[in-house]
Amino acid sequence: FGATALVVAALLAGLGAAWWQADKARQQARVAQQEGRTARAVQTFVLDLFEANSTIQKDPLKAQRTTARELLEIGAQRIAHTLADAPESRIRVLHMLGEMHWMLGLRSEAARLKLDALATARTAFGERDLRFARAAIEAVRSIEDTPRRHEIPALLEAADAALVAAGDAGLRERPAVLMMLSRHHRHESLPDAVRTGEAAVLALARVDAGSPELVNAYRAAGRARIQAGDFDLAEAHQRAAVSLSDRQGEGRTTWLVNARAELAEVLLKQGRFDAAEVEARAAVDLSLQAHGPSHRWTLIVRIRLSNQLMRTGAVADGLAHRAAVEQELAHDRPEYDPQFRADMASYLASGLSERGRPDRAEALVRADLADLQQWFPNSSA
């Protein structure tokens, strides 16, 4: 009887494993079929878009001269009346059109399209579905630089709830949402920034303790701790970010720039000036090496070093770094957008204040305050 029971148990176990594998294969097949249907729907929509342009413009030469913006406008009009019975395909097309509008600088229209995709996901799948979570994340990214950014916390919290409800399927995507929440809350609610920053570190370490993205999780948690005045915990997070960055192989330089710059900031606040200068100079050298003198990251870490040097008495060296930054900012480069220039105004004003020139700092401070009041109306600014 004992041997028979073992055989039966083994057969049942084998049957269970076979059933699990078959069920997994069926799920994968369903996903593959859906992806195929979605890809075909997107392809059909794009082809129909060009056909519609040809129909609208009877003159072939005029059709050929249709601009990218005009073509996107046609697409935005058509999507309002198509793919209603294929929500996944409709969401994919809306995201595609949103990205294209974003690349052309049409931010408001890009946001409208991605919010339309979110509404489609909510209606079709409900708010406890991974597809809703992903659509919410896309919507957040589209409204970060718009007057609708006050909607971000609620959208991210809803996305996080959906990822938690998804169980294991949502584990890998949840840390990114928590980091986005922490970065947003830094300007409006420090307790929430700390809470979500720490949660992001724990969530990502649980999934993949060696993930490069864990560097950003440590940095986000560290930034929140710096602003909350918890400098010892901030240092622990930033040192973990530096250590993990240093193990990233070929891409280590890029990761190390911000990690070492933020470690320098913590050390400075702790009064450890020599150690802070070592880290700040290393961040500048690494960014110059990896990105060149005109890159935004280089300018940020360099003006931070400048301010730090002037604060600790190395005025001549600090002014030299400041002059190099101002020389680059004198150029009109697309990447130097208004928000970046407002951030740089804050750093430049800080340096002037350190030198006892608040009169020259006032205009820069006002520019930074205007930016904060526009994008972070609930901040302490």
Protein backbone atom coordinates (compact mmCIF):
# COMPACT_ATOMS: atom_id res chain seq x y z
CA PHE A 1 0.00 0.00 0.00
CA GLY A 2 2.86 2.36 0.89
CA ALA A 3 4.49 1.92 -2.52
CA THR A 4 1.14 2.41 -4.26
CA ALA A 5 0.54 5.62 -2.33
CA LEU A 6 3.95 6.90 -3.36
CA VAL A 7 3.24 6.11 -7.01
CA VAL A 8 -0.15 7.83 -6.83
CA ALA A 9 1.43 10.85 -5.11
CA ALA A 10 4.13 11.01 -7.74
CA LEU A 11 1.56 10.79 -10.53
CA LEU A 12 -0.56 13.52 -8.93
CA ALA A 13 2.50 15.71 -8.49
CA GLY A 14 3.46 15.14 -12.09
CA LEU A 15 -0.07 15.85 -13.21
CA GLY A 16 -0.14 19.04 -11.14
CA ALA A 17 3.17 20.20 -12.63
CA ALA A 18 1.98 19.37 -16.14
CA TRP A 19 -1.28 21.24 -15.55
CA TRP A 20 0.64 24.27 -14.19
CA GLN A 21 2.98 24.25 -17.18
CA ALA A 22 0.05 23.88 -19.59
CA ASP A 23 -1.83 26.70 -17.88
CA LYS A 24 1.26 28.90 -18.02
CA ALA A 25 1.68 28.06 -21.71
CA ARG A 26 -1.97 28.95 -22.34
CA GLN A 27 -1.51 32.27 -20.54
CA GLN A 28 1.61 33.03 -22.57
CA ALA A 29 -0.24 32.10 -25.75
CA ARG A 30 -3.12 34.43 -24.84
CA VAL A 31 -0.65 37.25 -24.14
CA ALA A 32 1.13 36.60 -27.45
CA GLN A 33 -2.19 36.57 -29.32
CA GLN A 34 -3.26 39.84 -27.68
CA GLU A 35 0.11 41.43 -28.49
CA GLY A 36 -0.28 40.30 -32.07
CA ARG A 37 -3.78 41.74 -32.32
CA THR A 38 -2.59 45.01 -30.75
CA ALA A 39 0.38 45.29 -33.11
CA ARG A 40 -1.85 44.67 -36.13
CA ALA A 41 -4.35 47.26 -34.91
CA VAL A 42 -1.62 49.85 -34.46
CA GLN A 43 -0.22 49.08 -37.91
CA THR A 44 -3.68 49.38 -39.45
CA PHE A 45 -4.30 52.70 -37.69
CA VAL A 46 -1.02 54.16 -38.97
CA LEU A 47 -1.68 52.98 -42.53
CA ASP A 48 -5.24 54.36 -42.38
CA LEU A 49 -3.78 57.65 -41.15
CA PHE A 50 -1.69 58.03 -44.30
CA GLU A 51 -4.63 56.95 -46.42
CA ALA A 52 -6.83 59.55 -44.72
CA ASN A 53 -4.24 62.20 -45.49
CA SER A 54 -4.32 61.18 -49.15
CA THR A 55 -8.13 61.34 -49.12
CA ILE A 56 -8.21 64.77 -47.44
CA GLN A 57 -5.57 66.14 -49.80
CA LYS A 58 -6.72 65.24 -53.30
CA ASP A 59 -3.59 66.82 -54.72
CA PRO A 60 -0.74 64.26 -54.29
CA LEU A 61 1.81 67.05 -53.97
CA LYS A 62 -0.13 68.66 -51.12
CA ALA A 63 -0.45 65.28 -49.41
CA GLN A 64 3.31 64.88 -49.62
CA ARG A 65 3.80 68.30 -48.02
CA THR A 66 1.63 67.49 -45.00
CA THR A 67 3.69 68.27 -41.89
CA ALA A 68 4.26 65.88 -39.02
CA ARG A 69 2.10 68.11 -36.81
CA GLU A 70 -0.77 68.09 -39.30
CA LEU A 71 -0.55 64.31 -39.60
CA LEU A 72 -0.67 63.96 -35.81
CA GLU A 73 -3.71 66.24 -35.67
CA ILE A 74 -5.46 63.92 -38.13
CA GLY A 75 -4.48 60.97 -35.94
CA ALA A 76 -5.74 62.65 -32.77
CA GLN A 77 -9.09 63.35 -34.47
CA ARG A 78 -9.44 59.79 -35.79
CA ILE A 79 -8.61 58.03 -32.52
CA ALA A 80 -11.60 59.70 -30.88
CA HIS A 81 -13.89 57.55 -33.07
CA THR A 82 -11.91 54.31 -33.57
CA LEU A 83 -10.85 51.17 -31.68
CA ALA A 84 -13.63 51.58 -29.11
CA ASP A 85 -14.07 47.77 -29.08
CA ALA A 86 -10.32 47.10 -28.69
CA PRO A 87 -9.19 48.94 -25.52
CA GLU A 88 -5.62 47.58 -25.44
CA SER A 89 -5.06 48.61 -29.03
CA ARG A 90 -6.66 52.00 -28.39
CA ILE A 91 -4.40 52.60 -25.37
CA ARG A 92 -1.31 51.66 -27.39
CA VAL A 93 -2.24 54.06 -30.20
CA LEU A 94 -3.04 56.87 -27.74
CA HIS A 95 0.34 56.42 -26.07
CA MET A 96 2.09 56.40 -29.44
CA LEU A 97 0.33 59.60 -30.51
CA GLY A 98 1.05 61.15 -27.11
CA GLU A 99 4.77 60.42 -27.41
CA MET A 100 4.87 61.92 -30.90
CA HIS A 101 3.10 65.08 -29.74
CA TRP A 102 5.54 65.31 -26.81
CA MET A 103 8.54 65.07 -29.14
CA LEU A 104 7.16 67.99 -31.16
CA GLY A 105 6.79 70.05 -28.00
CA LEU A 106 2.97 69.81 -27.98
CA ARG A 107 2.83 69.06 -24.26
CA SER A 108 -0.84 69.85 -23.58
CA GLU A 109 -2.06 67.67 -26.43
CA ALA A 110 0.32 64.88 -25.38
CA ALA A 111 -1.12 65.01 -21.88
CA ARG A 112 -4.70 64.96 -23.20
CA LEU A 113 -4.01 61.84 -25.26
CA LYS A 114 -2.36 59.97 -22.40
CA LEU A 115 -5.15 60.93 -20.00
CA ASP A 116 -7.58 59.61 -22.62
CA ALA A 117 -5.61 56.34 -22.57
CA LEU A 118 -5.92 56.27 -18.76
CA ALA A 119 -9.69 56.79 -18.96
CA THR A 120 -9.90 53.93 -21.48
CA ALA A 121 -7.92 51.64 -19.17
CA ARG A 122 -10.05 52.57 -16.15
CA THR A 123 -13.30 51.88 -18.02
CA ALA A 124 -12.14 48.66 -19.67
CA PHE A 125 -10.11 47.02 -16.91
CA GLY A 126 -10.86 48.76 -13.61
CA GLU A 127 -8.43 50.35 -11.16
CA ARG A 128 -6.96 47.08 -9.83
CA ASP A 129 -5.45 46.00 -13.13
CA LEU A 130 -1.83 46.22 -14.25
CA ARG A 131 -2.91 47.86 -17.48
CA PHE A 132 -4.55 50.65 -15.51
CA ALA A 133 -1.36 51.07 -13.41
CA ARG A 134 0.81 51.38 -16.51
CA ALA A 135 -1.57 53.86 -18.11
CA ALA A 136 -1.56 55.93 -14.90
CA ILE A 137 2.25 56.03 -14.89
CA GLU A 138 2.28 57.21 -18.52
CA ALA A 139 -0.30 59.87 -17.68
CA VAL A 140 1.80 61.12 -14.75
CA ARG A 141 4.87 61.52 -16.94
CA SER A 142 2.84 63.58 -19.40
CA ILE A 143 1.49 66.07 -16.84
CA GLU A 144 4.64 66.67 -14.77
CA ASP A 145 5.32 69.94 -16.59
CA THR A 146 1.71 71.07 -16.95
CA PRO A 147 -0.81 72.87 -14.71
CA ARG A 148 -2.39 69.45 -14.02
CA ARG A 149 0.57 68.19 -12.02
CA HIS A 150 -1.50 68.50 -8.82
CA GLU A 151 -3.20 65.27 -9.99
CA ILE A 152 0.06 63.32 -9.76
CA PRO A 153 -0.12 62.00 -6.15
CA ALA A 154 -3.62 60.56 -6.56
CA LEU A 155 -2.69 58.91 -9.88
CA LEU A 156 0.49 57.39 -8.47
CA GLU A 157 -1.28 56.15 -5.34
CA ALA A 158 -3.91 54.51 -7.57
CA ALA A 159 -1.17 52.93 -9.69
CA ASP A 160 0.59 51.67 -6.56
CA ALA A 161 -2.66 50.13 -5.26
CA ALA A 162 -3.12 48.33 -8.59
CA LEU A 163 0.45 46.99 -8.51
CA VAL A 164 -0.01 45.74 -4.95
CA ALA A 165 -3.28 44.07 -5.96
CA ALA A 166 -1.45 42.33 -8.84
CA GLY A 167 0.78 40.47 -6.39
CA ASP A 168 3.96 39.01 -7.86
CA ALA A 169 3.11 40.39 -11.30
CA GLY A 170 3.41 43.96 -9.98
CA LEU A 171 6.55 43.54 -7.88
CA ARG A 172 9.06 44.75 -10.47
CA GLU A 173 7.09 47.82 -11.48
CA ARG A 174 6.14 49.03 -8.00
CA PRO A 175 9.53 50.50 -6.94
CA ALA A 176 9.51 52.98 -9.85
CA VAL A 177 6.08 54.28 -8.77
CA LEU A 178 7.26 54.64 -5.16
CA MET A 179 10.33 56.59 -6.32
CA MET A 180 8.12 58.90 -8.39
CA LEU A 181 5.94 59.46 -5.33
CA SER A 182 8.95 60.22 -3.14
CA ARG A 183 10.34 62.74 -5.64
CA HIS A 184 6.97 64.46 -5.91
CA HIS A 185 6.33 64.54 -2.15
CA ARG A 186 9.75 66.12 -1.47
CA HIS A 187 8.26 69.46 -2.48
CA GLU A 188 5.01 69.09 -0.58
CA SER A 189 5.13 66.50 2.22
CA LEU A 190 8.45 65.39 3.73
CA PRO A 191 6.93 62.58 5.85
CA ASP A 192 5.37 61.08 2.71
CA ALA A 193 8.62 61.59 0.79
CA VAL A 194 10.53 59.66 3.45
CA ARG A 195 7.88 56.94 3.69
CA THR A 196 7.70 56.26 -0.05
CA GLY A 197 11.47 56.60 -0.51
CA GLU A 198 12.17 53.95 2.10
CA ALA A 199 9.42 51.74 0.67
CA ALA A 200 11.02 51.99 -2.80
CA VAL A 201 14.38 50.79 -1.47
CA LEU A 202 12.79 47.82 0.32
CA ALA A 203 10.57 46.91 -2.63
CA LEU A 204 13.41 46.95 -5.17
CA ALA A 205 15.92 45.19 -2.89
CA ARG A 206 13.34 42.42 -2.46
CA VAL A 207 13.03 41.93 -6.21
CA ASP A 208 16.65 42.44 -7.32
CA ALA A 209 19.30 43.52 -4.82
CA GLY A 210 21.82 44.03 -7.63
CA SER A 211 19.61 46.12 -9.90
CA PRO A 212 21.21 49.35 -11.18
CA GLU A 213 17.85 51.02 -10.57
CA LEU A 214 18.44 50.44 -6.85
CA VAL A 215 20.99 53.27 -7.12
CA ASN A 216 18.14 55.66 -7.92
CA ALA A 217 16.05 54.19 -5.11
CA TYR A 218 18.83 54.83 -2.59
CA ARG A 219 19.29 58.35 -3.99
CA ALA A 220 15.56 59.13 -3.78
CA ALA A 221 15.40 57.89 -0.19
CA GLY A 222 18.60 59.79 0.62
CA ARG A 223 17.29 63.04 -0.87
CA ALA A 224 14.15 62.78 1.23
CA ARG A 225 16.23 62.16 4.35
CA ILE A 226 18.45 65.17 3.56
CA GLN A 227 15.45 67.46 3.30
CA ALA A 228 14.00 65.98 6.48
CA GLY A 229 17.27 66.69 8.31
CA ASP A 230 18.05 62.99 8.96
CA PHE A 231 21.66 63.31 7.84
CA ASP A 232 23.01 60.04 9.25
CA LEU A 233 20.34 58.00 7.46
CA ALA A 234 20.82 60.13 4.35
CA GLU A 235 24.55 59.36 4.40
CA ALA A 236 23.86 55.63 4.70
CA HIS A 237 21.61 55.72 1.64
CA GLN A 238 24.00 57.84 -0.44
CA ARG A 239 26.98 55.64 0.45
CA ALA A 240 24.94 52.60 -0.60
CA ALA A 241 24.20 54.40 -3.89
CA VAL A 242 27.91 55.13 -4.44
CA SER A 243 28.90 51.54 -3.63
CA LEU A 244 26.31 50.05 -5.97
CA SER A 245 27.15 52.58 -8.71
CA ASP A 246 30.80 51.57 -8.52
CA ARG A 247 29.80 47.98 -9.36
CA GLN A 248 27.93 48.83 -12.57
CA GLY A 249 30.82 48.09 -14.92
CA GLU A 250 30.80 49.99 -18.21
CA GLY A 251 28.10 52.46 -17.16
CA ARG A 252 29.49 53.12 -13.68
CA THR A 253 30.63 56.69 -14.41
CA THR A 254 27.14 57.93 -15.21
CA TRP A 255 25.72 56.36 -12.06
CA LEU A 256 28.51 57.71 -9.88
CA VAL A 257 28.12 61.37 -10.84
CA ASN A 258 24.90 62.07 -8.96
CA ALA A 259 25.56 59.55 -6.19
CA ARG A 260 28.86 61.21 -5.23
CA ALA A 261 27.44 64.73 -5.62
CA GLU A 262 24.61 63.91 -3.23
CA LEU A 263 26.97 62.23 -0.78
CA ALA A 264 29.00 65.47 -0.83
CA GLU A 265 25.86 67.42 0.07
CA VAL A 266 25.21 65.20 3.10
CA LEU A 267 28.81 65.44 4.30
CA LEU A 268 28.71 69.24 3.95
CA LYS A 269 25.58 69.45 6.08
CA GLN A 270 27.32 67.32 8.70
CA GLY A 271 30.22 69.79 8.78
CA ARG A 272 32.71 67.31 7.27
CA PHE A 273 34.07 69.84 4.79
CA ASP A 274 37.21 68.07 3.56
CA ALA A 275 35.38 64.81 2.87
CA ALA A 276 32.56 66.74 1.17
CA GLU A 277 35.05 68.51 -1.13
CA VAL A 278 36.62 65.21 -2.16
CA GLU A 279 33.23 63.81 -3.21
CA ALA A 280 32.10 67.03 -4.94
CA ARG A 281 35.32 67.28 -6.97
CA ALA A 282 35.04 63.61 -7.93
CA ALA A 283 31.47 64.17 -9.17
CA VAL A 284 32.58 67.10 -11.36
CA ASP A 285 35.55 65.19 -12.79
CA LEU A 286 33.38 62.17 -13.55
CA SER A 287 30.71 64.27 -15.28
CA LEU A 288 33.26 66.17 -17.35
CA GLN A 289 34.72 62.83 -18.41
CA ALA A 290 31.37 61.16 -19.19
CA HIS A 291 29.26 64.06 -20.49
CA GLY A 292 31.46 67.04 -21.29
CA PRO A 293 31.40 70.64 -19.97
CA SER A 294 28.01 71.69 -21.39
CA HIS A 295 25.89 68.80 -20.12
CA ARG A 296 23.15 69.68 -17.63
CA TRP A 297 24.49 67.26 -15.03
CA THR A 298 27.95 68.76 -15.33
CA LEU A 299 26.61 72.26 -14.78
CA ILE A 300 24.61 71.18 -11.72
CA VAL A 301 27.42 69.33 -9.96
CA ARG A 302 29.88 72.09 -10.90
CA ILE A 303 27.80 74.94 -9.48
CA ARG A 304 27.26 72.88 -6.34
CA LEU A 305 31.03 72.51 -6.01
CA SER A 306 31.46 76.24 -6.63
CA ASN A 307 29.04 77.15 -3.85
CA GLN A 308 30.64 74.65 -1.51
CA LEU A 309 34.14 76.01 -2.14
CA MET A 310 33.05 79.61 -1.54
CA ARG A 311 31.30 78.56 1.66
CA THR A 312 34.48 76.93 2.98
CA GLY A 313 36.82 79.80 2.03
CA ALA A 314 38.23 78.62 -1.31
CA VAL A 315 36.74 81.65 -3.05
CA ALA A 316 39.05 81.90 -6.07
CA ASP A 317 38.55 78.25 -6.99
CA GLY A 318 34.81 78.56 -6.44
CA LEU A 319 34.58 81.61 -8.69
CA ALA A 320 36.50 79.82 -11.44
CA HIS A 321 33.97 76.98 -11.46
CA ARG A 322 31.11 79.48 -11.37
CA ALA A 323 32.53 81.36 -14.37
CA ALA A 324 32.75 78.11 -16.34
CA VAL A 325 29.09 77.37 -15.57
CA GLU A 326 27.94 80.88 -16.51
CA GLN A 327 29.87 80.65 -19.76
CA GLU A 328 27.95 77.51 -20.73
CA LEU A 329 24.60 78.95 -19.65
CA ALA A 330 25.18 81.93 -21.95
CA HIS A 331 24.52 79.56 -24.89
CA ASP A 332 20.95 79.01 -26.08
CA ARG A 333 20.71 75.22 -26.07
CA PRO A 334 17.40 73.30 -26.34
CA GLU A 335 18.25 71.19 -23.30
CA TYR A 336 18.50 74.33 -21.16
CA ASP A 337 14.72 74.55 -20.79
CA PRO A 338 13.00 77.11 -18.50
CA GLN A 339 12.73 74.69 -15.57
CA PHE A 340 16.44 73.82 -15.77
CA ARG A 341 17.36 77.51 -15.94
CA ALA A 342 15.14 78.16 -12.89
CA ASP A 343 16.98 75.40 -10.99
CA MET A 344 20.32 76.88 -12.01
CA ALA A 345 19.11 80.34 -10.91
CA SER A 346 18.61 78.90 -7.44
CA TYR A 347 22.19 77.57 -7.31
CA LEU A 348 23.63 80.81 -8.71
CA ALA A 349 21.68 82.89 -6.19
CA SER A 350 22.95 80.73 -3.34
CA GLY A 351 26.52 81.43 -4.38
CA LEU A 352 25.91 85.17 -4.46
CA SER A 353 24.35 85.05 -0.99
CA GLU A 354 27.39 83.20 0.31
CA ARG A 355 29.56 86.07 -1.00
CA GLY A 356 27.40 88.67 0.75
CA ARG A 357 25.71 89.93 -2.43
CA PRO A 358 21.97 89.42 -1.79
CA ASP A 359 21.30 92.46 -3.99
CA ARG A 360 22.57 90.56 -7.03
CA ALA A 361 20.86 87.35 -5.90
CA GLU A 362 17.35 88.82 -5.70
CA ALA A 363 16.44 88.49 -9.39
CA LEU A 364 17.67 84.89 -9.45
CA VAL A 365 15.73 84.01 -6.30
CA ARG A 366 12.58 85.55 -7.75
CA ALA A 367 12.97 83.44 -10.90
CA ASP A 368 13.33 80.29 -8.81
CA LEU A 369 10.34 81.23 -6.64
CA ALA A 370 8.19 81.85 -9.72
CA ASP A 371 9.10 78.38 -11.01
CA LEU A 372 8.29 76.76 -7.66
CA GLN A 373 4.98 78.60 -7.37
CA GLN A 374 4.03 77.48 -10.88
CA TRP A 375 4.95 73.81 -10.58
CA PHE A 376 4.87 73.19 -6.83
CA PRO A 377 2.11 75.42 -5.45
CA ASN A 378 1.82 73.34 -2.27
CA SER A 379 5.53 73.50 -1.45
CA SER A 380 7.00 75.41 1.46
CA ALA A 381 8.50 77.92 -1.00
